[in-house]
């Protein structure tokens, strides 16, 4: 079985985690940075620390590597706005001879994504937090480029009806 890696690209609250729930039910390994942080801090995401980023990244890398070694579909659930953010995952997938797909989610104005997250998030962060985060993410966005970045496929979710 050929290992496969899907790298999700999309703003906060664009449907990435909903997509992942469906993939997980089909047996995919889902790697989500928020979940890793929460798991390493006894369920409390507010204990996130930039100083611990090497720990978070090592857990993320280990999960991706193990899933790919087992020939499983691995899905990276994070915004992955820029080519630089995607580079590590593409290289990791290619090191296991995985087929790498970038899955592109719909981008709307940052205010839309901020409100969607604010009303559907359990962390009790203020709307202003999400507005700022969405503006920052939007400023970092670079459209995926298959030729420049070296992934195998691009799947544009705006062209698919996920309600079926």
N, C-alpha and C. Protein backbone atom coordinates (compact mmCIF):
# COMPACT_ATOMS: atom_id res chain seq x y z
N UNK A 1 0.84 -1.18 0.00
CA UNK A 1 0.00 0.00 0.00
C UNK A 1 0.89 1.25 0.00
N UNK A 2 0.59 2.19 -0.86
CA UNK A 2 1.35 3.43 -0.97
C UNK A 2 0.89 4.38 0.13
N UNK A 3 1.82 4.87 0.95
CA UNK A 3 1.41 5.83 1.98
C UNK A 3 0.94 7.13 1.32
N UNK A 4 -0.01 7.78 1.98
CA UNK A 4 -0.55 9.03 1.46
C UNK A 4 -0.60 10.07 2.56
N UNK A 5 -0.27 11.29 2.17
CA UNK A 5 -0.29 12.42 3.09
C UNK A 5 -1.14 13.51 2.48
N UNK A 6 -2.11 13.99 3.26
CA UNK A 6 -2.93 15.13 2.83
C UNK A 6 -2.61 16.30 3.73
N UNK A 7 -2.25 17.42 3.11
CA UNK A 7 -1.92 18.64 3.84
C UNK A 7 -3.05 19.63 3.60
N UNK A 8 -3.77 19.96 4.66
CA UNK A 8 -4.91 20.87 4.52
C UNK A 8 -4.42 22.31 4.51
N UNK A 9 -5.02 23.11 3.63
CA UNK A 9 -4.68 24.53 3.51
C UNK A 9 -5.99 25.31 3.55
N UNK A 10 -6.15 26.12 4.59
CA UNK A 10 -7.36 26.92 4.68
C UNK A 10 -7.40 27.72 5.96
N UNK A 11 -8.20 28.76 5.95
CA UNK A 11 -8.31 29.62 7.12
C UNK A 11 -8.93 28.91 8.32
N UNK A 12 -8.83 29.55 9.45
CA UNK A 12 -9.54 29.11 10.65
C UNK A 12 -11.02 28.97 10.30
N UNK A 13 -11.64 27.90 10.78
CA UNK A 13 -13.09 27.68 10.61
C UNK A 13 -13.51 27.65 9.14
N UNK A 14 -12.72 26.94 8.32
CA UNK A 14 -13.08 26.81 6.91
C UNK A 14 -13.57 25.41 6.57
N UNK A 15 -13.62 24.51 7.56
CA UNK A 15 -14.11 23.16 7.33
C UNK A 15 -13.05 22.08 7.42
N UNK A 16 -11.82 22.46 7.76
CA UNK A 16 -10.74 21.47 7.81
C UNK A 16 -11.00 20.37 8.83
N UNK A 17 -11.39 20.74 10.03
CA UNK A 17 -11.60 19.73 11.09
C UNK A 17 -12.82 18.86 10.80
N UNK A 18 -13.84 19.41 10.19
CA UNK A 18 -15.01 18.62 9.78
C UNK A 18 -14.59 17.59 8.74
N UNK A 19 -13.77 18.02 7.78
CA UNK A 19 -13.21 17.13 6.77
C UNK A 19 -12.44 16.00 7.46
N UNK A 20 -11.65 16.35 8.48
CA UNK A 20 -10.84 15.37 9.20
C UNK A 20 -11.68 14.35 9.95
N UNK A 21 -12.78 14.78 10.52
CA UNK A 21 -13.66 13.83 11.22
C UNK A 21 -14.13 12.75 10.27
N UNK A 22 -14.47 13.13 9.05
CA UNK A 22 -14.90 12.14 8.05
C UNK A 22 -13.75 11.22 7.67
N UNK A 23 -12.58 11.79 7.49
CA UNK A 23 -11.41 10.98 7.14
C UNK A 23 -11.05 10.01 8.27
N UNK A 24 -11.14 10.48 9.51
CA UNK A 24 -10.82 9.62 10.66
C UNK A 24 -11.75 8.42 10.71
N UNK A 25 -13.02 8.63 10.40
CA UNK A 25 -13.97 7.51 10.40
C UNK A 25 -13.61 6.47 9.35
N UNK A 26 -12.88 6.89 8.33
CA UNK A 26 -12.42 5.97 7.29
C UNK A 26 -11.06 5.36 7.60
N UNK A 27 -10.50 5.68 8.76
CA UNK A 27 -9.25 5.06 9.18
C UNK A 27 -8.01 5.93 9.06
N UNK A 28 -8.16 7.18 8.64
CA UNK A 28 -7.00 8.06 8.50
C UNK A 28 -6.45 8.45 9.87
N UNK A 29 -5.15 8.72 9.89
CA UNK A 29 -4.49 9.27 11.07
C UNK A 29 -4.55 10.79 10.92
N UNK A 30 -5.13 11.47 11.89
CA UNK A 30 -5.27 12.92 11.85
C UNK A 30 -4.25 13.54 12.79
N UNK A 31 -3.46 14.47 12.26
CA UNK A 31 -2.46 15.18 13.06
C UNK A 31 -2.92 16.63 13.16
N UNK A 32 -3.27 17.02 14.38
CA UNK A 32 -3.81 18.36 14.63
C UNK A 32 -3.01 19.00 15.76
N UNK A 33 -2.41 20.15 15.47
CA UNK A 33 -1.53 20.78 16.46
C UNK A 33 -2.28 21.19 17.73
N UNK A 34 -3.52 21.66 17.60
CA UNK A 34 -4.29 22.02 18.80
C UNK A 34 -4.52 20.80 19.69
N UNK A 35 -4.81 19.66 19.06
CA UNK A 35 -5.04 18.44 19.83
C UNK A 35 -3.77 17.96 20.53
N UNK A 36 -2.64 18.12 19.86
CA UNK A 36 -1.37 17.73 20.48
C UNK A 36 -1.09 18.59 21.70
N UNK A 37 -1.26 19.90 21.55
CA UNK A 37 -1.04 20.81 22.69
C UNK A 37 -1.96 20.45 23.83
N UNK A 38 -3.23 20.24 23.53
CA UNK A 38 -4.21 19.89 24.56
C UNK A 38 -3.84 18.58 25.25
N UNK A 39 -3.45 17.58 24.47
CA UNK A 39 -3.09 16.28 25.05
C UNK A 39 -1.87 16.38 25.96
N UNK A 40 -0.91 17.19 25.58
CA UNK A 40 0.32 17.30 26.38
C UNK A 40 0.15 18.15 27.64
N UNK A 41 -0.99 18.83 27.73
CA UNK A 41 -1.23 19.69 28.90
C UNK A 41 -2.49 19.27 29.66
N UNK A 42 -2.72 17.98 29.70
CA UNK A 42 -3.82 17.44 30.49
C UNK A 42 -5.19 17.97 30.11
N UNK A 43 -5.37 18.29 28.83
CA UNK A 43 -6.66 18.76 28.37
C UNK A 43 -6.82 20.27 28.42
N UNK A 44 -5.79 21.01 28.82
CA UNK A 44 -5.89 22.46 28.96
C UNK A 44 -5.04 23.16 27.91
N UNK A 45 -5.67 23.60 26.82
CA UNK A 45 -4.97 24.26 25.73
C UNK A 45 -4.33 25.57 26.18
N UNK A 46 -4.90 26.22 27.17
CA UNK A 46 -4.37 27.52 27.61
C UNK A 46 -2.96 27.40 28.18
N UNK A 47 -2.48 26.21 28.42
CA UNK A 47 -1.11 26.01 28.92
C UNK A 47 -0.08 25.98 27.80
N UNK A 48 -0.52 26.22 26.57
CA UNK A 48 0.40 26.28 25.42
C UNK A 48 1.58 27.20 25.75
N UNK A 49 2.78 26.76 25.35
CA UNK A 49 3.98 27.56 25.57
C UNK A 49 4.86 27.52 24.33
N UNK A 50 5.25 28.68 23.83
CA UNK A 50 6.16 28.72 22.69
C UNK A 50 7.47 28.00 22.99
N UNK A 51 7.87 27.99 24.24
CA UNK A 51 9.11 27.31 24.64
C UNK A 51 9.03 25.81 24.40
N UNK A 52 7.80 25.27 24.37
CA UNK A 52 7.61 23.83 24.18
C UNK A 52 7.36 23.44 22.72
N UNK A 53 7.49 24.39 21.81
CA UNK A 53 7.25 24.09 20.40
C UNK A 53 8.06 22.90 19.89
N UNK A 54 9.33 22.73 20.31
CA UNK A 54 10.06 21.54 19.85
C UNK A 54 9.40 20.23 20.29
N UNK A 55 8.79 20.22 21.45
CA UNK A 55 8.08 19.03 21.93
C UNK A 55 6.85 18.79 21.06
N UNK A 56 6.07 19.84 20.82
CA UNK A 56 4.86 19.71 19.99
C UNK A 56 5.22 19.19 18.60
N UNK A 57 6.27 19.77 18.00
CA UNK A 57 6.68 19.37 16.66
C UNK A 57 7.20 17.93 16.63
N UNK A 58 7.89 17.50 17.67
CA UNK A 58 8.40 16.12 17.68
C UNK A 58 7.26 15.12 17.78
N UNK A 59 6.23 15.43 18.55
CA UNK A 59 5.05 14.56 18.63
C UNK A 59 4.36 14.51 17.27
N UNK A 60 4.21 15.67 16.66
CA UNK A 60 3.59 15.75 15.33
C UNK A 60 4.38 14.93 14.31
N UNK A 61 5.69 15.11 14.28
CA UNK A 61 6.53 14.35 13.34
C UNK A 61 6.44 12.85 13.59
N UNK A 62 6.46 12.45 14.85
CA UNK A 62 6.39 11.02 15.18
C UNK A 62 5.06 10.41 14.71
N UNK A 63 3.98 11.14 14.89
CA UNK A 63 2.67 10.63 14.45
C UNK A 63 2.61 10.51 12.93
N UNK A 64 3.12 11.50 12.24
CA UNK A 64 3.14 11.46 10.77
C UNK A 64 4.00 10.29 10.29
N UNK A 65 5.20 10.17 10.84
CA UNK A 65 6.11 9.10 10.43
C UNK A 65 5.52 7.72 10.68
N UNK A 66 4.96 7.52 11.85
CA UNK A 66 4.38 6.21 12.19
C UNK A 66 3.23 5.87 11.25
N UNK A 67 2.36 6.83 11.00
CA UNK A 67 1.23 6.59 10.10
C UNK A 67 1.69 6.25 8.70
N UNK A 68 2.67 6.99 8.18
CA UNK A 68 3.18 6.72 6.84
C UNK A 68 3.89 5.37 6.77
N UNK A 69 4.66 5.02 7.81
CA UNK A 69 5.35 3.71 7.84
C UNK A 69 4.34 2.57 7.80
N UNK A 70 3.17 2.81 8.37
CA UNK A 70 2.13 1.78 8.38
C UNK A 70 1.31 1.77 7.09
N UNK A 71 1.62 2.69 6.16
CA UNK A 71 0.88 2.75 4.90
C UNK A 71 -0.48 3.39 5.03
N UNK A 72 -0.67 4.16 6.08
CA UNK A 72 -1.97 4.78 6.32
C UNK A 72 -2.04 6.15 5.66
N UNK A 73 -3.26 6.62 5.45
CA UNK A 73 -3.48 8.00 5.05
C UNK A 73 -3.27 8.86 6.29
N UNK A 74 -2.42 9.87 6.19
CA UNK A 74 -2.17 10.82 7.27
C UNK A 74 -2.64 12.18 6.79
N UNK A 75 -3.44 12.85 7.62
CA UNK A 75 -3.98 14.16 7.28
C UNK A 75 -3.46 15.18 8.28
N UNK A 76 -2.82 16.24 7.77
CA UNK A 76 -2.29 17.31 8.62
C UNK A 76 -3.33 18.42 8.68
N UNK A 77 -3.96 18.55 9.84
CA UNK A 77 -5.05 19.50 10.06
C UNK A 77 -4.51 20.76 10.73
N UNK A 78 -4.09 21.69 9.92
CA UNK A 78 -3.67 23.02 10.38
C UNK A 78 -3.76 23.95 9.17
N UNK A 79 -3.68 25.25 9.37
CA UNK A 79 -3.91 26.17 8.24
C UNK A 79 -2.91 26.06 7.09
N UNK A 80 -1.61 25.85 7.37
CA UNK A 80 -0.60 25.68 6.32
C UNK A 80 -0.67 26.76 5.23
N UNK A 81 -0.67 28.02 5.67
CA UNK A 81 -0.89 29.14 4.75
C UNK A 81 0.18 29.31 3.69
N UNK A 82 1.42 29.13 4.07
CA UNK A 82 2.51 29.48 3.17
C UNK A 82 3.27 28.24 2.68
N UNK A 83 4.00 28.44 1.60
CA UNK A 83 4.84 27.35 1.08
C UNK A 83 5.84 26.92 2.14
N UNK A 84 6.36 27.86 2.90
CA UNK A 84 7.32 27.53 3.95
C UNK A 84 6.69 26.63 5.01
N UNK A 85 5.43 26.87 5.37
CA UNK A 85 4.74 26.03 6.36
C UNK A 85 4.50 24.63 5.81
N UNK A 86 4.24 24.52 4.53
CA UNK A 86 3.94 23.23 3.91
C UNK A 86 5.20 22.42 3.62
N UNK A 87 6.32 23.09 3.47
CA UNK A 87 7.58 22.46 3.04
C UNK A 87 7.97 21.26 3.91
N UNK A 88 7.88 21.41 5.23
CA UNK A 88 8.27 20.32 6.14
C UNK A 88 7.41 19.08 5.92
N UNK A 89 6.12 19.27 5.77
CA UNK A 89 5.22 18.13 5.59
C UNK A 89 5.44 17.46 4.24
N UNK A 90 5.63 18.25 3.20
CA UNK A 90 5.88 17.68 1.88
C UNK A 90 7.17 16.85 1.91
N UNK A 91 8.23 17.40 2.50
CA UNK A 91 9.51 16.68 2.59
C UNK A 91 9.35 15.40 3.41
N UNK A 92 8.62 15.48 4.51
CA UNK A 92 8.42 14.30 5.35
C UNK A 92 7.65 13.22 4.57
N UNK A 93 6.59 13.62 3.88
CA UNK A 93 5.84 12.67 3.07
C UNK A 93 6.70 12.03 1.99
N UNK A 94 7.46 12.84 1.29
CA UNK A 94 8.32 12.33 0.21
C UNK A 94 9.40 11.41 0.75
N UNK A 95 9.86 11.65 1.98
CA UNK A 95 10.89 10.77 2.56
C UNK A 95 10.35 9.36 2.80
N UNK A 96 9.03 9.20 2.81
CA UNK A 96 8.40 7.88 2.95
C UNK A 96 7.77 7.43 1.64
N UNK A 97 8.14 8.09 0.54
CA UNK A 97 7.58 7.79 -0.79
C UNK A 97 6.07 7.90 -0.81
N UNK A 98 5.52 8.81 -0.01
CA UNK A 98 4.08 9.00 0.03
C UNK A 98 3.63 9.88 -1.13
N UNK A 99 2.41 9.66 -1.56
CA UNK A 99 1.75 10.58 -2.48
C UNK A 99 1.22 11.72 -1.61
N UNK A 100 1.58 12.95 -1.97
CA UNK A 100 1.23 14.11 -1.16
C UNK A 100 0.20 14.95 -1.90
N UNK A 101 -0.93 15.16 -1.22
CA UNK A 101 -2.01 15.97 -1.76
C UNK A 101 -2.19 17.20 -0.89
N UNK A 102 -2.32 18.36 -1.53
CA UNK A 102 -2.70 19.57 -0.82
C UNK A 102 -4.20 19.74 -1.03
N UNK A 103 -4.92 19.89 0.07
CA UNK A 103 -6.37 20.04 0.03
C UNK A 103 -6.68 21.49 0.39
N UNK A 104 -7.24 22.21 -0.57
CA UNK A 104 -7.46 23.65 -0.44
C UNK A 104 -8.91 23.93 -0.04
N UNK A 105 -9.08 24.71 1.04
CA UNK A 105 -10.41 25.06 1.54
C UNK A 105 -10.76 26.50 1.20
N UNK A 106 -12.04 26.79 1.18
CA UNK A 106 -12.54 28.11 0.81
C UNK A 106 -12.05 29.20 1.76
N UNK A 107 -11.60 30.29 1.16
CA UNK A 107 -11.17 31.47 1.92
C UNK A 107 -12.24 32.54 1.78
N UNK A 108 -12.67 33.04 2.91
CA UNK A 108 -13.63 34.14 2.96
C UNK A 108 -12.96 35.28 3.73
N UNK A 109 -13.59 36.43 3.81
CA UNK A 109 -12.98 37.53 4.59
C UNK A 109 -12.67 37.08 6.02
N UNK A 110 -11.58 37.58 6.59
CA UNK A 110 -11.18 37.17 7.95
C UNK A 110 -12.29 37.31 8.99
N UNK A 111 -13.14 38.32 8.85
CA UNK A 111 -14.24 38.53 9.81
C UNK A 111 -15.21 37.36 9.82
N UNK A 112 -15.44 36.78 8.65
CA UNK A 112 -16.35 35.63 8.54
C UNK A 112 -15.78 34.44 9.29
N UNK A 113 -14.50 34.14 9.07
CA UNK A 113 -13.86 33.01 9.74
C UNK A 113 -13.77 33.25 11.24
N UNK A 114 -13.49 34.48 11.64
CA UNK A 114 -13.37 34.81 13.07
C UNK A 114 -14.69 34.57 13.80
N UNK A 115 -15.78 35.05 13.23
CA UNK A 115 -17.10 34.86 13.86
C UNK A 115 -17.47 33.39 13.93
N UNK A 116 -17.20 32.68 12.85
CA UNK A 116 -17.51 31.24 12.83
C UNK A 116 -16.76 30.52 13.94
N UNK A 117 -15.48 30.82 14.12
CA UNK A 117 -14.70 30.17 15.16
C UNK A 117 -15.16 30.60 16.54
N UNK A 118 -15.40 31.89 16.72
CA UNK A 118 -15.83 32.41 18.02
C UNK A 118 -17.08 31.71 18.52
N UNK A 119 -18.04 31.51 17.64
CA UNK A 119 -19.31 30.90 18.05
C UNK A 119 -19.26 29.38 18.15
N UNK A 120 -18.15 28.78 17.70
CA UNK A 120 -18.05 27.32 17.71
C UNK A 120 -16.78 26.81 18.36
N UNK A 121 -16.21 27.57 19.27
CA UNK A 121 -14.96 27.16 19.90
C UNK A 121 -15.16 27.03 21.40
N UNK A 122 -14.55 26.03 22.00
CA UNK A 122 -14.73 25.73 23.42
C UNK A 122 -13.69 26.41 24.32
N UNK A 123 -12.78 27.18 23.74
CA UNK A 123 -11.70 27.75 24.55
C UNK A 123 -12.03 29.10 25.19
N UNK A 124 -13.22 29.62 24.93
CA UNK A 124 -13.67 30.89 25.53
C UNK A 124 -12.72 32.06 25.26
N UNK A 125 -12.17 32.11 24.06
CA UNK A 125 -11.33 33.24 23.68
C UNK A 125 -12.22 34.32 23.07
N UNK A 126 -11.90 35.59 23.28
CA UNK A 126 -12.76 36.68 22.78
C UNK A 126 -12.75 36.77 21.25
N UNK A 127 -13.79 37.35 20.71
CA UNK A 127 -13.90 37.53 19.26
C UNK A 127 -12.69 38.29 18.72
N UNK A 128 -12.20 39.25 19.47
CA UNK A 128 -11.03 40.03 19.02
C UNK A 128 -9.80 39.13 18.80
N UNK A 129 -9.65 38.11 19.64
CA UNK A 129 -8.54 37.16 19.46
C UNK A 129 -8.65 36.50 18.09
N UNK A 130 -9.84 36.02 17.76
CA UNK A 130 -10.03 35.31 16.50
C UNK A 130 -9.93 36.26 15.31
N UNK A 131 -10.39 37.49 15.46
CA UNK A 131 -10.27 38.46 14.37
C UNK A 131 -8.79 38.72 14.06
N UNK A 132 -8.00 38.91 15.09
CA UNK A 132 -6.56 39.15 14.90
C UNK A 132 -5.89 37.92 14.30
N UNK A 133 -6.21 36.75 14.82
CA UNK A 133 -5.62 35.51 14.30
C UNK A 133 -5.97 35.32 12.82
N UNK A 134 -7.22 35.58 12.47
CA UNK A 134 -7.64 35.42 11.07
C UNK A 134 -6.98 36.44 10.16
N UNK A 135 -6.79 37.65 10.63
CA UNK A 135 -6.09 38.67 9.83
C UNK A 135 -4.62 38.26 9.61
N UNK A 136 -3.98 37.77 10.67
CA UNK A 136 -2.59 37.32 10.54
C UNK A 136 -2.49 36.17 9.54
N UNK A 137 -3.38 35.20 9.68
CA UNK A 137 -3.36 34.06 8.77
C UNK A 137 -3.56 34.50 7.32
N UNK A 138 -4.49 35.42 7.12
CA UNK A 138 -4.75 35.92 5.76
C UNK A 138 -3.50 36.60 5.19
N UNK A 139 -2.79 37.33 6.02
CA UNK A 139 -1.59 38.04 5.56
C UNK A 139 -0.47 37.07 5.18
N UNK A 140 -0.49 35.86 5.71
CA UNK A 140 0.55 34.87 5.44
C UNK A 140 0.24 33.98 4.23
N UNK A 141 -0.99 34.06 3.72
CA UNK A 141 -1.44 33.11 2.70
C UNK A 141 -0.66 33.23 1.39
N UNK A 142 -0.22 32.07 0.91
CA UNK A 142 0.37 31.92 -0.42
C UNK A 142 -0.37 30.76 -1.09
N UNK A 143 -0.92 30.98 -2.27
CA UNK A 143 -1.59 29.87 -2.95
C UNK A 143 -0.62 28.72 -3.20
N UNK A 144 -1.08 27.50 -2.99
CA UNK A 144 -0.21 26.34 -3.26
C UNK A 144 0.17 26.28 -4.74
N UNK A 145 1.41 25.90 -4.99
CA UNK A 145 1.93 25.80 -6.34
C UNK A 145 2.62 24.43 -6.48
N UNK A 146 1.96 23.54 -7.20
CA UNK A 146 2.42 22.16 -7.33
C UNK A 146 3.84 22.08 -7.91
N UNK A 147 4.10 22.85 -8.93
CA UNK A 147 5.42 22.79 -9.58
C UNK A 147 6.52 23.31 -8.66
N UNK A 148 6.25 24.39 -7.97
CA UNK A 148 7.27 25.00 -7.10
C UNK A 148 7.47 24.22 -5.80
N UNK A 149 6.36 23.67 -5.24
CA UNK A 149 6.43 23.04 -3.93
C UNK A 149 6.68 21.54 -3.98
N UNK A 150 6.35 20.87 -5.07
CA UNK A 150 6.68 19.47 -5.23
C UNK A 150 5.66 18.47 -4.69
N UNK A 151 4.44 18.90 -4.37
CA UNK A 151 3.42 17.93 -3.97
C UNK A 151 2.84 17.30 -5.24
N UNK A 152 2.08 16.20 -5.07
CA UNK A 152 1.60 15.43 -6.22
C UNK A 152 0.25 15.88 -6.76
N UNK A 153 -0.66 16.26 -5.86
CA UNK A 153 -2.02 16.59 -6.27
C UNK A 153 -2.52 17.80 -5.52
N UNK A 154 -3.46 18.52 -6.15
CA UNK A 154 -4.16 19.62 -5.50
C UNK A 154 -5.65 19.32 -5.58
N UNK A 155 -6.31 19.28 -4.44
CA UNK A 155 -7.75 19.05 -4.37
C UNK A 155 -8.39 20.33 -3.85
N UNK A 156 -9.19 20.98 -4.69
CA UNK A 156 -9.85 22.23 -4.33
C UNK A 156 -11.25 21.91 -3.81
N UNK A 157 -11.45 22.05 -2.49
CA UNK A 157 -12.73 21.66 -1.86
C UNK A 157 -13.90 22.54 -2.28
N UNK A 158 -13.65 23.72 -2.84
CA UNK A 158 -14.76 24.56 -3.31
C UNK A 158 -15.48 23.89 -4.48
N UNK A 159 -14.82 22.94 -5.12
CA UNK A 159 -15.42 22.26 -6.27
C UNK A 159 -16.19 21.00 -5.91
N UNK A 160 -16.23 20.69 -4.60
CA UNK A 160 -16.88 19.46 -4.14
C UNK A 160 -18.00 19.78 -3.18
N UNK A 161 -19.07 19.03 -3.25
CA UNK A 161 -20.19 19.19 -2.32
C UNK A 161 -20.02 18.16 -1.21
N UNK A 162 -19.63 18.63 -0.03
CA UNK A 162 -19.37 17.71 1.10
C UNK A 162 -20.63 17.34 1.87
N UNK A 163 -21.78 17.88 1.47
CA UNK A 163 -23.01 17.58 2.20
C UNK A 163 -23.60 16.24 1.76
N UNK A 164 -23.08 15.66 0.71
CA UNK A 164 -23.60 14.37 0.20
C UNK A 164 -23.03 13.22 0.96
